[in-house]
Protein backbone atom coordinates (compact mmCIF):
# COMPACT_ATOMS: atom_id res chain seq x y z
CA MET A 1 -30.39 -17.13 -0.99
CA ASN A 2 -31.17 -17.31 2.69
CA PHE A 3 -28.57 -15.11 4.42
CA LYS A 4 -28.97 -16.59 7.92
CA LYS A 5 -28.86 -20.13 6.54
CA GLU A 6 -25.60 -19.36 4.73
CA ILE A 7 -24.04 -18.05 7.95
CA ALA A 8 -25.14 -21.15 9.87
CA LYS A 9 -23.44 -23.36 7.24
CA ARG A 10 -19.99 -21.77 7.67
CA ARG A 11 -17.24 -23.20 9.86
CA THR A 12 -13.99 -21.22 9.77
CA PHE A 13 -11.17 -22.63 11.83
CA GLY A 14 -7.40 -22.98 12.15
CA ILE A 15 -5.33 -26.02 13.06
CA ILE A 16 -2.50 -25.30 15.47
CA SER A 17 0.34 -27.55 16.53
CA HIS A 18 4.05 -27.85 17.11
CA PRO A 19 6.03 -28.61 13.91
CA ASP A 20 5.82 -32.28 12.91
CA ALA A 21 2.79 -33.12 15.05
CA GLY A 22 0.91 -33.89 11.83
CA LYS A 23 -1.00 -30.71 11.13
CA THR A 24 -0.42 -30.69 7.37
CA THR A 25 -1.35 -34.39 7.13
CA LEU A 26 -4.56 -33.81 9.09
CA THR A 27 -5.43 -30.86 6.82
CA GLU A 28 -4.98 -33.09 3.77
CA LYS A 29 -7.17 -35.85 5.20
CA LEU A 30 -9.95 -33.38 5.98
CA LEU A 31 -9.78 -32.23 2.35
CA LEU A 32 -9.97 -35.86 1.29
CA PHE A 33 -13.27 -36.27 3.14
CA GLY A 34 -14.58 -33.09 1.58
CA GLY A 35 -13.77 -34.59 -1.82
CA ALA A 36 -11.55 -31.60 -2.47
CA ILE A 37 -8.57 -33.78 -3.36
CA GLN A 38 -8.33 -37.33 -4.66
CA GLU A 39 -5.18 -38.48 -2.93
CA ALA A 40 -3.33 -37.07 0.03
CA GLY A 41 0.40 -36.35 -0.16
CA ALA A 42 2.00 -37.26 3.12
CA VAL A 43 4.58 -34.72 4.16
CA LYS A 44 7.83 -36.25 5.37
CA SER A 45 10.04 -33.67 6.99
CA ASN A 46 12.56 -33.09 4.21
CA LYS A 47 11.87 -35.89 1.78
CA ILE A 48 8.58 -35.00 0.26
CA LYS A 49 7.02 -37.85 -1.65
CA LYS A 50 4.20 -35.90 -3.16
CA SER A 51 4.15 -32.30 -2.14
CA ALA A 52 1.28 -31.53 0.15
CA THR A 53 -1.39 -29.46 -1.56
CA SER A 54 -1.33 -26.81 1.13
CA ASP A 55 2.37 -25.84 0.93
CA PHE A 56 3.17 -23.88 -2.17
CA MET A 57 6.30 -21.83 -1.75
CA GLU A 58 9.54 -23.35 -3.01
CA ILE A 59 11.32 -22.84 0.29
CA GLU A 60 8.52 -24.79 1.99
CA ARG A 61 8.93 -27.64 -0.43
CA GLN A 62 12.61 -27.77 0.42
CA ARG A 63 11.99 -27.67 4.15
CA GLY A 64 8.77 -29.63 4.35
CA ILE A 65 7.12 -27.04 6.59
CA SER A 66 4.15 -24.76 6.10
CA VAL A 67 5.53 -21.25 5.80
CA ALA A 68 2.85 -19.15 4.14
CA THR A 69 -0.61 -19.26 5.62
CA SER A 70 -2.98 -20.42 2.96
CA VAL A 71 -6.72 -20.87 2.96
CA LEU A 72 -8.46 -24.09 2.01
CA ALA A 73 -12.20 -24.36 1.53
CA PHE A 74 -14.36 -27.42 0.96
CA HIS A 75 -17.92 -28.66 1.42
CA TYR A 76 -18.75 -31.56 3.71
CA LYS A 77 -22.30 -32.79 4.30
CA ASP A 78 -24.23 -29.51 4.20
CA LYS A 79 -21.47 -27.32 5.65
CA LYS A 80 -18.98 -24.99 4.00
CA ILE A 81 -15.66 -25.40 5.78
CA ASN A 82 -12.81 -22.89 5.62
CA ILE A 83 -9.46 -24.02 7.05
CA LEU A 84 -6.91 -21.31 7.67
CA ASP A 85 -3.57 -23.03 7.61
CA THR A 86 -1.31 -21.74 10.39
CA PRO A 87 2.44 -22.28 10.13
CA GLY A 88 3.50 -24.50 13.02
CA HIS A 89 7.13 -23.47 12.66
CA LYS A 90 8.17 -21.20 15.52
CA ASP A 91 9.88 -18.76 13.17
CA PHE A 92 6.46 -17.90 11.78
CA ALA A 93 4.66 -17.37 15.05
CA GLU A 94 3.54 -13.87 14.19
CA ASP A 95 1.76 -14.97 11.03
CA THR A 96 -0.04 -17.58 13.09
CA PHE A 97 -1.07 -15.10 15.80
CA ARG A 98 -2.58 -12.89 13.13
CA THR A 99 -4.44 -15.79 11.53
CA LEU A 100 -5.97 -16.59 14.92
CA THR A 101 -7.78 -13.23 14.76
CA ALA A 102 -9.70 -14.56 11.74
CA VAL A 103 -10.82 -18.00 12.99
CA ASP A 104 -14.02 -18.87 14.85
CA SER A 105 -12.61 -22.04 16.42
CA VAL A 106 -9.43 -24.11 16.54
CA ILE A 107 -8.27 -27.73 16.39
CA VAL A 108 -5.12 -28.37 18.44
CA VAL A 109 -3.01 -31.30 17.20
CA ILE A 110 -0.80 -33.11 19.72
CA ASP A 111 1.75 -35.85 18.98
CA VAL A 112 1.04 -38.95 21.10
CA ALA A 113 4.76 -39.57 21.74
CA LYS A 114 5.92 -36.01 22.35
CA GLY A 115 2.87 -34.70 24.19
CA VAL A 116 2.43 -30.96 24.66
CA GLU A 117 5.29 -28.93 23.14
CA GLU A 118 6.24 -25.28 23.63
CA GLN A 119 4.91 -23.90 20.36
CA THR A 120 1.49 -25.40 21.16
CA GLU A 121 1.57 -23.81 24.62
CA LYS A 122 2.09 -20.30 23.18
CA LEU A 123 -0.66 -20.61 20.58
CA VAL A 124 -3.17 -22.15 22.98
CA GLU A 125 -2.53 -19.28 25.37
CA VAL A 126 -3.58 -16.81 22.65
CA CYS A 127 -6.75 -18.87 22.03
CA ARG A 128 -7.50 -18.95 25.75
CA MET A 129 -7.09 -15.18 26.04
CA ARG A 130 -9.51 -14.70 23.17
CA LYS A 131 -11.88 -17.46 24.40
CA ILE A 132 -11.70 -19.30 21.06
CA PRO A 133 -13.43 -22.72 21.22
CA MET A 134 -10.86 -25.55 20.89
CA ILE A 135 -11.01 -29.25 20.05
CA VAL A 136 -7.90 -31.35 20.79
CA PHE A 137 -6.81 -34.13 18.39
CA ILE A 138 -4.19 -36.53 19.76
CA ASN A 139 -2.41 -37.86 16.68
CA LYS A 140 -0.13 -40.75 15.60
CA LEU A 141 -1.80 -43.49 17.69
CA ASP A 142 -0.38 -46.12 15.36
CA ARG A 143 2.99 -45.39 17.00
CA GLU A 144 4.13 -46.10 20.55
CA GLY A 145 3.40 -43.12 22.73
CA LYS A 146 2.40 -41.87 26.16
CA ASP A 147 -0.50 -43.39 28.07
CA ALA A 148 -3.82 -41.80 27.06
CA PHE A 149 -4.69 -40.71 30.63
CA ASP A 150 -1.22 -39.23 31.14
CA LEU A 151 -1.69 -37.23 27.93
CA LEU A 152 -5.06 -35.93 29.07
CA ASP A 153 -3.44 -34.83 32.36
CA GLU A 154 -0.62 -33.13 30.49
CA VAL A 155 -3.07 -31.24 28.26
CA GLU A 156 -4.97 -30.05 31.34
CA GLN A 157 -1.88 -29.01 33.27
CA LYS A 158 0.41 -27.57 30.61
CA LEU A 159 -2.27 -25.90 28.50
CA GLY A 160 -4.65 -25.01 31.33
CA LEU A 161 -7.61 -26.66 29.58
CA THR A 162 -10.63 -28.54 30.93
CA VAL A 163 -10.83 -31.64 28.77
CA THR A 164 -13.55 -34.17 28.08
CA PRO A 165 -12.62 -37.18 25.89
CA LEU A 166 -15.15 -37.82 23.09
CA SER A 167 -13.26 -40.83 21.75
CA PHE A 168 -10.77 -43.20 23.36
CA PRO A 169 -8.08 -45.48 21.96
CA ILE A 170 -8.21 -49.26 22.27
CA GLY A 171 -4.52 -50.06 22.73
CA MET A 172 -1.69 -48.07 21.16
CA GLY A 173 1.24 -48.46 18.77
CA TYR A 174 1.75 -52.15 17.99
CA ASP A 175 -1.39 -53.17 19.95
CA PHE A 176 -3.58 -50.43 18.51
CA LYS A 177 -6.98 -52.02 17.77
CA GLY A 178 -9.14 -49.01 17.11
CA ILE A 179 -11.12 -46.26 18.75
CA TYR A 180 -14.26 -46.23 20.81
CA ASN A 181 -16.28 -43.16 19.84
CA ILE A 182 -17.90 -41.91 23.06
CA TYR A 183 -19.78 -39.18 21.20
CA GLU A 184 -21.48 -41.54 18.72
CA LYS A 185 -21.27 -44.73 20.81
CA ASN A 186 -19.56 -46.92 18.23
CA ILE A 187 -16.29 -48.73 17.64
CA ASN A 188 -13.99 -48.00 14.74
CA LEU A 189 -11.60 -50.89 14.09
CA PHE A 190 -8.12 -50.12 12.81
CA SER A 191 -6.96 -52.19 9.85
CA GLY A 192 -3.58 -50.48 9.44
CA ASP A 193 -4.27 -49.99 5.76
CA SER A 194 -3.57 -46.36 5.00
CA LYS A 195 -4.89 -46.69 1.45
CA LYS A 196 -8.43 -47.20 2.63
CA ASN A 197 -10.24 -43.92 2.50
CA ILE A 198 -12.72 -44.58 5.28
CA GLU A 199 -12.65 -47.25 7.96
CA GLU A 200 -15.75 -49.27 8.84
CA THR A 201 -17.43 -48.52 12.13
CA ILE A 202 -19.53 -50.89 14.21
CA ALA A 203 -22.35 -49.37 16.24
CA PHE A 204 -21.81 -50.42 19.83
CA ASP A 205 -23.89 -48.78 22.50
CA ASP A 206 -23.89 -51.61 25.05
CA LEU A 207 -20.37 -52.32 26.28
CA SER A 208 -21.46 -55.25 28.48
CA ASN A 209 -22.34 -57.14 25.28
CA PRO A 210 -20.08 -60.26 25.02
CA GLU A 211 -19.73 -59.50 21.27
CA LEU A 212 -17.08 -56.96 22.30
CA GLU A 213 -14.66 -59.75 23.24
CA LYS A 214 -15.12 -61.35 19.82
CA ILE A 215 -14.30 -58.11 18.06
CA ILE A 216 -11.27 -56.87 20.00
CA GLY A 217 -10.24 -59.77 22.29
CA ASN A 218 -10.67 -60.31 26.04
CA LYS A 219 -7.84 -58.17 27.36
CA ALA A 220 -8.65 -55.16 25.18
CA ALA A 221 -12.37 -55.47 26.03
CA ASP A 222 -11.67 -55.50 29.79
CA ASN A 223 -9.34 -52.54 29.48
CA LEU A 224 -11.81 -50.55 27.42
CA ARG A 225 -14.64 -51.06 29.92
CA GLU A 226 -12.34 -50.06 32.77
CA HIS A 227 -11.08 -46.97 30.95
CA LEU A 228 -14.56 -45.77 30.04
CA GLU A 229 -15.71 -46.15 33.64
CA LEU A 230 -12.76 -44.09 34.74
CA ILE A 231 -13.51 -41.42 32.11
CA HIS A 232 -17.12 -41.07 33.30
CA ALA A 233 -15.91 -40.80 36.88
CA VAL A 234 -13.09 -38.33 36.32
CA TYR A 235 -14.03 -36.07 33.39
CA PRO A 236 -17.07 -33.84 33.02
CA ASP A 237 -19.68 -34.81 30.42
CA PHE A 238 -19.47 -32.86 27.19
CA ASP A 239 -21.25 -29.52 27.51
CA LYS A 240 -21.65 -27.67 24.22
CA GLU A 241 -22.24 -24.30 25.88
CA ALA A 242 -19.05 -24.60 27.92
CA TYR A 243 -17.13 -25.59 24.76
CA LEU A 244 -18.46 -22.57 22.83
CA LYS A 245 -17.51 -20.23 25.67
CA GLY A 246 -13.97 -21.64 25.63
CA ASP A 247 -14.39 -23.27 29.06
CA GLN A 248 -14.28 -26.93 27.99
CA GLN A 249 -12.25 -28.75 25.32
CA PRO A 250 -13.34 -32.06 23.74
CA VAL A 251 -10.53 -34.53 22.91
CA PHE A 252 -10.33 -37.02 20.03
CA PHE A 253 -7.71 -39.69 19.36
CA GLY A 254 -6.58 -40.93 15.94
CA SER A 255 -3.89 -41.27 13.30
CA ALA A 256 -4.10 -38.68 10.53
CA LEU A 257 -1.51 -40.49 8.40
CA ASN A 258 -3.65 -43.64 8.37
CA ASN A 259 -6.78 -41.56 8.02
CA PHE A 260 -8.02 -43.01 11.25
CA GLY A 261 -10.28 -41.16 13.68
CA VAL A 262 -10.40 -38.20 11.28
CA ARG A 263 -14.01 -38.74 10.20
CA GLU A 264 -15.14 -38.87 13.86
CA LEU A 265 -13.35 -35.60 14.48
CA LEU A 266 -14.88 -33.96 11.40
CA ASP A 267 -18.43 -35.22 12.03
CA CYS A 268 -18.41 -33.96 15.59
CA PHE A 269 -16.68 -30.73 14.58
CA ILE A 270 -19.30 -29.67 12.03
CA GLU A 271 -22.03 -30.35 14.59
CA ILE A 272 -20.59 -28.53 17.59
CA ALA A 273 -18.16 -25.91 16.19
CA PRO A 274 -19.51 -22.37 16.11
CA PRO A 275 -20.68 -20.67 12.93
CA PRO A 276 -19.14 -17.19 12.36
CA ARG A 277 -18.98 -15.33 15.65
CA ASP A 278 -19.55 -11.70 16.53
CA LYS A 279 -16.40 -9.60 16.51
CA LYS A 280 -15.32 -6.76 18.71
CA ALA A 281 -14.32 -3.53 16.99
CA GLU A 282 -12.99 -0.41 18.70
CA GLU A 283 -16.35 1.29 18.12
CA ARG A 284 -18.78 -1.55 18.94
CA VAL A 285 -19.43 -5.29 18.71
CA VAL A 286 -20.32 -6.34 15.14
CA ARG A 287 -22.77 -9.22 14.80
CA ALA A 288 -22.30 -11.74 11.98
CA ASP A 289 -25.93 -11.50 10.87
CA GLU A 290 -25.93 -7.72 10.31
CA LYS A 291 -26.87 -6.75 6.77
CA GLN A 292 -24.02 -4.28 6.24
CA MET A 293 -20.74 -5.80 5.01
CA THR A 294 -17.65 -5.43 7.20
CA GLY A 295 -14.37 -7.32 6.94
CA PHE A 296 -10.69 -6.96 7.78
CA VAL A 297 -7.33 -7.86 6.22
CA PHE A 298 -5.48 -10.42 8.33
CA LYS A 299 -2.84 -11.44 5.82
CA ILE A 300 -1.20 -10.17 2.65
CA HIS A 301 0.58 -12.53 0.31
CA ALA A 302 2.73 -11.15 -2.49
CA ASN A 303 3.42 -12.92 -5.77
CA MET A 304 1.16 -15.90 -5.24
CA ASP A 305 1.47 -16.40 -8.92
CA PRO A 306 5.13 -15.93 -9.94
CA LYS A 307 4.02 -15.24 -13.55
CA HIS A 308 2.14 -12.13 -12.44
CA ARG A 309 3.41 -9.65 -9.93
CA ASP A 310 0.31 -9.76 -7.80
CA ARG A 311 -0.43 -9.27 -4.16
CA LEU A 312 -3.45 -10.78 -2.53
CA ALA A 313 -4.98 -9.32 0.58
CA PHE A 314 -6.86 -11.97 2.56
CA VAL A 315 -10.06 -10.50 4.00
CA LYS A 316 -12.22 -12.24 6.58
CA VAL A 317 -15.87 -11.30 6.05
CA VAL A 318 -17.29 -10.52 9.51
CA SER A 319 -20.83 -9.41 8.66
CA GLY A 320 -23.10 -8.89 5.64
CA THR A 321 -22.26 -10.15 2.16
CA PHE A 322 -19.19 -9.23 0.15
CA GLU A 323 -20.22 -8.71 -3.48
CA ARG A 324 -18.13 -8.50 -6.59
CA ASN A 325 -17.93 -5.04 -8.23
CA LYS A 326 -19.65 -3.31 -5.32
CA PRO A 327 -17.79 -0.30 -3.88
CA TYR A 328 -16.62 -0.63 -0.27
CA LEU A 329 -15.04 1.95 1.99
CA HIS A 330 -11.36 1.42 2.80
CA VAL A 331 -11.54 2.94 6.28
CA ARG A 332 -7.86 3.89 6.73
CA HIS A 333 -7.62 5.63 3.33
CA ASP A 334 -11.19 6.93 3.53
CA LYS A 335 -11.82 6.04 -0.10
CA LYS A 336 -14.13 3.66 -1.94
CA LEU A 337 -12.71 0.67 -3.79
CA LYS A 338 -14.38 -2.00 -5.84
CA PHE A 339 -13.09 -5.44 -6.74
CA SER A 340 -13.80 -7.08 -10.07
CA SER A 341 -12.23 -10.44 -9.26
CA PRO A 342 -12.49 -11.43 -5.60
CA ASN A 343 -11.03 -14.91 -5.12
CA ALA A 344 -12.02 -17.92 -3.08
CA PHE A 345 -9.34 -20.54 -2.44
CA PHE A 346 -8.36 -24.05 -2.61
CA ALA A 347 -4.60 -24.06 -1.92
CA GLU A 348 -3.07 -22.95 -5.23
CA LYS A 349 -6.36 -22.97 -7.08
CA LYS A 350 -8.31 -19.77 -6.91
CA GLU A 351 -11.72 -19.04 -8.35
CA ILE A 352 -13.59 -15.79 -8.74
CA VAL A 353 -16.66 -15.51 -6.50
CA ASP A 354 -19.64 -13.24 -6.92
CA VAL A 355 -20.76 -13.23 -3.33
CA SER A 356 -19.17 -14.26 -0.02
CA PHE A 357 -20.76 -14.62 3.39
CA PRO A 358 -19.62 -14.07 6.99
CA GLY A 359 -16.91 -16.57 7.87
CA ASP A 360 -15.60 -16.69 4.30
CA ILE A 361 -12.13 -15.56 3.34
CA VAL A 362 -11.89 -13.47 0.19
CA GLY A 363 -8.64 -12.79 -1.65
CA LEU A 364 -8.49 -9.30 -3.15
CA HIS A 365 -5.94 -8.27 -5.76
CA ASP A 366 -3.99 -5.44 -4.27
CA THR A 367 -1.75 -2.84 -5.82
CA GLY A 368 -0.45 -1.63 -2.48
CA ASN A 369 -3.62 -0.22 -0.89
CA PHE A 370 -3.77 -2.67 1.97
CA LYS A 371 -1.92 -3.24 5.18
CA ILE A 372 -2.53 -5.93 7.78
CA GLY A 373 -5.48 -4.88 9.97
CA ASP A 374 -7.23 -2.66 7.39
CA THR A 375 -11.03 -2.63 7.45
CA LEU A 376 -13.55 -2.60 4.59
CA THR A 377 -17.15 -1.55 5.26
CA GLU A 378 -20.21 -0.18 3.44
CA GLY A 379 -19.50 3.26 4.86
CA GLU A 380 -19.39 2.86 8.64
CA ILE A 381 -16.10 3.76 10.35
CA ILE A 382 -15.03 0.55 12.08
CA HIS A 383 -11.59 -0.58 13.27
CA TYR A 384 -11.17 -4.22 14.23
CA LYS A 385 -8.77 -4.78 17.08
CA GLY A 386 -6.31 -7.49 17.80
CA ILE A 387 -3.66 -7.62 15.09
CA PRO A 388 -0.61 -6.40 16.99
CA SER A 389 3.07 -6.46 16.06
CA PHE A 390 5.26 -8.12 18.69
CA SER A 391 8.83 -7.20 19.49
CA PRO A 392 11.04 -9.31 17.21
CA GLU A 393 13.69 -11.65 18.64
CA HIS A 394 16.38 -11.14 15.97
CA PHE A 395 17.69 -7.94 14.39
CA ARG A 396 20.02 -7.43 11.43
CA TYR A 397 21.08 -4.54 9.22
CA ILE A 398 20.05 -5.16 5.63
CA ASN A 399 22.52 -4.06 2.96
CA ASN A 400 22.10 -3.81 -0.79
CA ALA A 401 24.43 -6.31 -2.50
CA ASP A 402 23.80 -4.92 -5.99
CA PRO A 403 23.87 -1.10 -6.24
CA MET A 404 22.20 -1.22 -9.67
CA LYS A 405 19.10 -2.75 -8.10
CA ALA A 406 18.44 -0.31 -5.26
CA LYS A 407 14.93 0.43 -6.50
CA GLN A 408 13.96 -3.26 -6.73
CA LEU A 409 15.38 -3.89 -3.26
CA ASN A 410 13.39 -1.05 -1.69
CA LYS A 411 10.19 -2.13 -3.40
CA GLY A 412 10.75 -5.74 -2.37
CA ILE A 413 11.44 -4.87 1.26
CA ASP A 414 8.40 -2.60 1.32
CA GLN A 415 6.06 -5.25 -0.02
CA LEU A 416 7.41 -8.07 2.15
CA MET A 417 7.01 -5.90 5.25
CA ASP A 418 3.39 -5.05 4.30
CA GLU A 419 2.86 -8.78 4.14
CA GLY A 420 4.04 -9.07 7.71
CA VAL A 421 6.97 -11.40 6.94
CA ALA A 422 9.14 -9.30 9.24
CA GLN A 423 9.35 -5.77 10.63
CA LEU A 424 11.37 -2.91 9.26
CA PHE A 425 12.98 -0.28 11.48
CA THR A 426 14.70 2.78 10.02
CA LEU A 427 17.35 4.28 12.32
CA GLU A 428 16.73 7.95 13.12
CA MET A 429 20.43 8.79 13.19
CA ASN A 430 21.58 7.57 9.77
CA GLY A 431 18.54 6.15 8.00
CA ARG A 432 19.98 2.61 7.93
CA LYS A 433 17.42 -0.15 7.62
CA VAL A 434 17.14 -2.87 10.25
CA ILE A 435 15.01 -5.96 9.81
CA GLY A 436 13.53 -7.60 12.89
CA THR A 437 12.13 -11.14 12.79
CA VAL A 438 10.60 -13.63 15.19
CA GLY A 439 12.81 -16.49 13.95
CA ALA A 440 16.12 -16.73 12.09
CA LEU A 441 14.61 -18.69 9.19
CA GLN A 442 12.75 -15.51 8.16
CA TYR A 443 16.02 -14.00 6.94
CA GLU A 444 16.51 -16.84 4.48
CA VAL A 445 12.94 -16.49 3.27
CA ILE A 446 13.39 -12.73 2.76
CA GLN A 447 16.70 -13.19 0.90
CA TYR A 448 15.20 -15.94 -1.27
CA ARG A 449 12.08 -13.98 -2.13
CA LEU A 450 13.92 -10.69 -2.80
CA GLU A 451 16.11 -12.50 -5.31
CA HIS A 452 13.43 -14.68 -6.95
CA GLU A 453 10.52 -12.25 -6.94
CA TYR A 454 12.16 -8.83 -7.17
CA GLY A 455 15.55 -9.57 -8.73
CA ALA A 456 17.36 -7.88 -5.83
CA LYS A 457 20.21 -9.22 -3.70
CA CYS A 458 20.86 -8.34 -0.08
CA THR A 459 23.35 -9.16 2.64
CA TYR A 460 22.90 -8.95 6.41
CA GLU A 461 25.01 -7.64 9.23
CA ASN A 462 24.39 -8.43 12.87
CA PHE A 463 22.88 -5.68 14.98
CA PRO A 464 22.88 -6.43 18.72
CA VAL A 465 19.42 -5.54 20.01
CA HIS A 466 17.71 -7.12 23.01
CA LYS A 467 14.15 -5.86 22.43
CA ALA A 468 12.24 -3.37 20.32
CA CYS A 469 9.96 -1.17 22.43
CA TRP A 470 7.31 1.14 21.06
CA VAL A 471 7.62 4.58 22.69
CA GLU A 472 4.66 6.43 24.20
CA PRO A 473 5.62 9.68 25.97
CA GLU A 474 3.19 11.14 28.52
CA ASP A 475 4.19 14.62 27.36
CA PRO A 476 5.53 14.65 23.77
CA LYS A 477 6.71 18.26 24.21
CA GLY A 478 8.17 17.76 27.70
CA GLU A 479 11.79 18.09 28.75
CA GLU A 480 12.13 14.49 29.88
CA PHE A 481 11.11 13.17 26.45
CA ALA A 482 13.48 15.64 24.73
CA GLU A 483 16.36 14.42 26.92
CA PHE A 484 15.40 10.77 26.27
CA LYS A 485 15.56 11.45 22.53
CA ARG A 486 18.92 13.23 22.78
CA VAL A 487 20.63 10.63 24.99
CA LYS A 488 19.21 7.60 23.22
CA GLN A 489 19.32 8.92 19.66
CA LYS A 490 21.49 6.15 18.30
CA PHE A 491 19.01 3.55 19.59
CA LEU A 492 15.92 5.20 18.14
CA ALA A 493 14.17 4.13 14.96
CA LYS A 494 10.82 4.46 13.21
CA ASP A 495 8.73 1.43 12.31
CA LYS A 496 6.87 1.11 9.02
CA ARG A 497 3.92 3.10 10.35
CA GLY A 498 6.17 5.91 11.54
CA GLN A 499 5.84 5.04 15.24
CA LEU A 500 8.92 5.75 17.34
CA VAL A 501 10.73 2.63 18.56
CA PHE A 502 13.52 2.29 21.12
CA LEU A 503 15.93 -0.55 20.29
CA ALA A 504 17.37 -1.54 23.67
CA ASP A 505 20.73 -3.27 23.42
CA SER A 506 20.37 -5.24 26.67
CA ALA A 507 17.88 -6.05 29.42
CA PHE A 508 19.97 -3.90 31.76
CA SER A 509 19.90 -0.79 29.58
CA LEU A 510 16.15 -1.25 29.11
CA GLN A 511 15.65 -1.31 32.89
CA MET A 512 17.87 1.73 33.43
CA THR A 513 16.03 3.67 30.71
CA GLN A 514 12.67 2.90 32.31
CA GLN A 515 13.94 4.10 35.71
CA LYS A 516 15.57 7.24 34.34
CA TYR A 517 12.63 8.36 32.17
CA PRO A 518 9.46 7.25 34.02
CA SER A 519 7.17 9.43 31.90
CA VAL A 520 8.29 7.73 28.67
CA LYS A 521 6.30 4.51 28.44
CA LEU A 522 7.85 1.56 26.58
CA HIS A 523 5.62 -1.20 25.11
CA PHE A 524 6.56 -4.63 23.74
CA THR A 525 3.69 -4.70 21.24
CA SER A 526 2.66 -1.99 18.81
CA GLU A 527 -0.97 -2.03 19.88
CA PHE A 528 -1.44 -0.30 23.19
CA ASP A 529 -4.68 0.88 24.71
């Protein structure tokens, strides 16, 4: 098996969007093209006709949102495509940030009527910081929405991107006729029939050809010619190098629900999107084509199969080949582990794989060895950077509602926190447990999963905290730090890794603390350099 060829075939990417922009539907349609599923289940916010293949937790089915990040793999043409599903829901932002450490490129989905929304802004900012190549897909063109040029302006201004349209709509909503594919120079006519798997395209490289009027009518033909002239005048030509460096973002238009414009997106994507990229570790930059295997855990999912109490650690292979039954070094524990049944994924279906290549995601059965961010190698000590914890927005005490089940509750909380569902803080003063989350919906998810997966019941109590700050004293033995600890003792806690955290009850007290104890540094993320 040609190692370099296998790497070149891989495309590992995430789809990011605001909730309801159509991310799950687009994911399904991509799987349809890959022949991975026979029919797509459209997700309607709370009334799910046929549950989407990619959402598999009961609470997601009730809510119609993607909560757990799953991995979907399929083959298309000669490429192996791995989609890492990223929850669009703002309560799950942290899970999405972590998933972005494992992708090589991103597709950003934008709703034609709503334009750029806040959740998209946050996620795109992370991609821009990390220079991840992005393609923009403007969705739902079969509905009335904003003018295409206004949308392109909005994407440039709000997201700080440099766009270049590679397809352009002919009309919109009621008048939507189809799409002109600038990249392939052809026209794709819209029939409005969502049952058709693939629309017909007509090659059309000469727009002055009077045939155009016959196909789409005089007014639409005039508009299209005018729009394309404007595009060539205003937007830069597509430059693959600039796209790969994260300096230019191609834009496609379509309607995922009607499976329209999706093939154009996919065909262009597999041609221009990067194969697995090099990754920066604390020690050095690791190249994808190195022979030695390295990989890192970016997600842990407990109880994927309710019949078996199992945890799966999702590992992104960065370099070399990951082989079944071969011992690898777990860097944090400094011990060798081998895996007899590494899994590859297709939503709920898992299959055992003998060998995986860079760019692939492997699911490893875990009995509690792994935490988010752990590294596996063939012996080299490598730590991959970039999986921080952020200060949560909400804080609540967690109480045991069933004293007979204390053990189950503790085990459940422990495992859910390893998974990164939320963060656990243990107060220094009295050992009470506080759970911090990014969004309020997390508390429901935790309660639901503790009861259904661990048989434990919990209740919550509000705990007024403004921000959690990780504490880094300049002099751990100094007087100032000792005084800080004495005065602030009822606001101090330890996180799951034993790092000291200051839980500030207001913005004012945070400011005063920083002024009073200048040598005690306070950080809003747990990863500080």
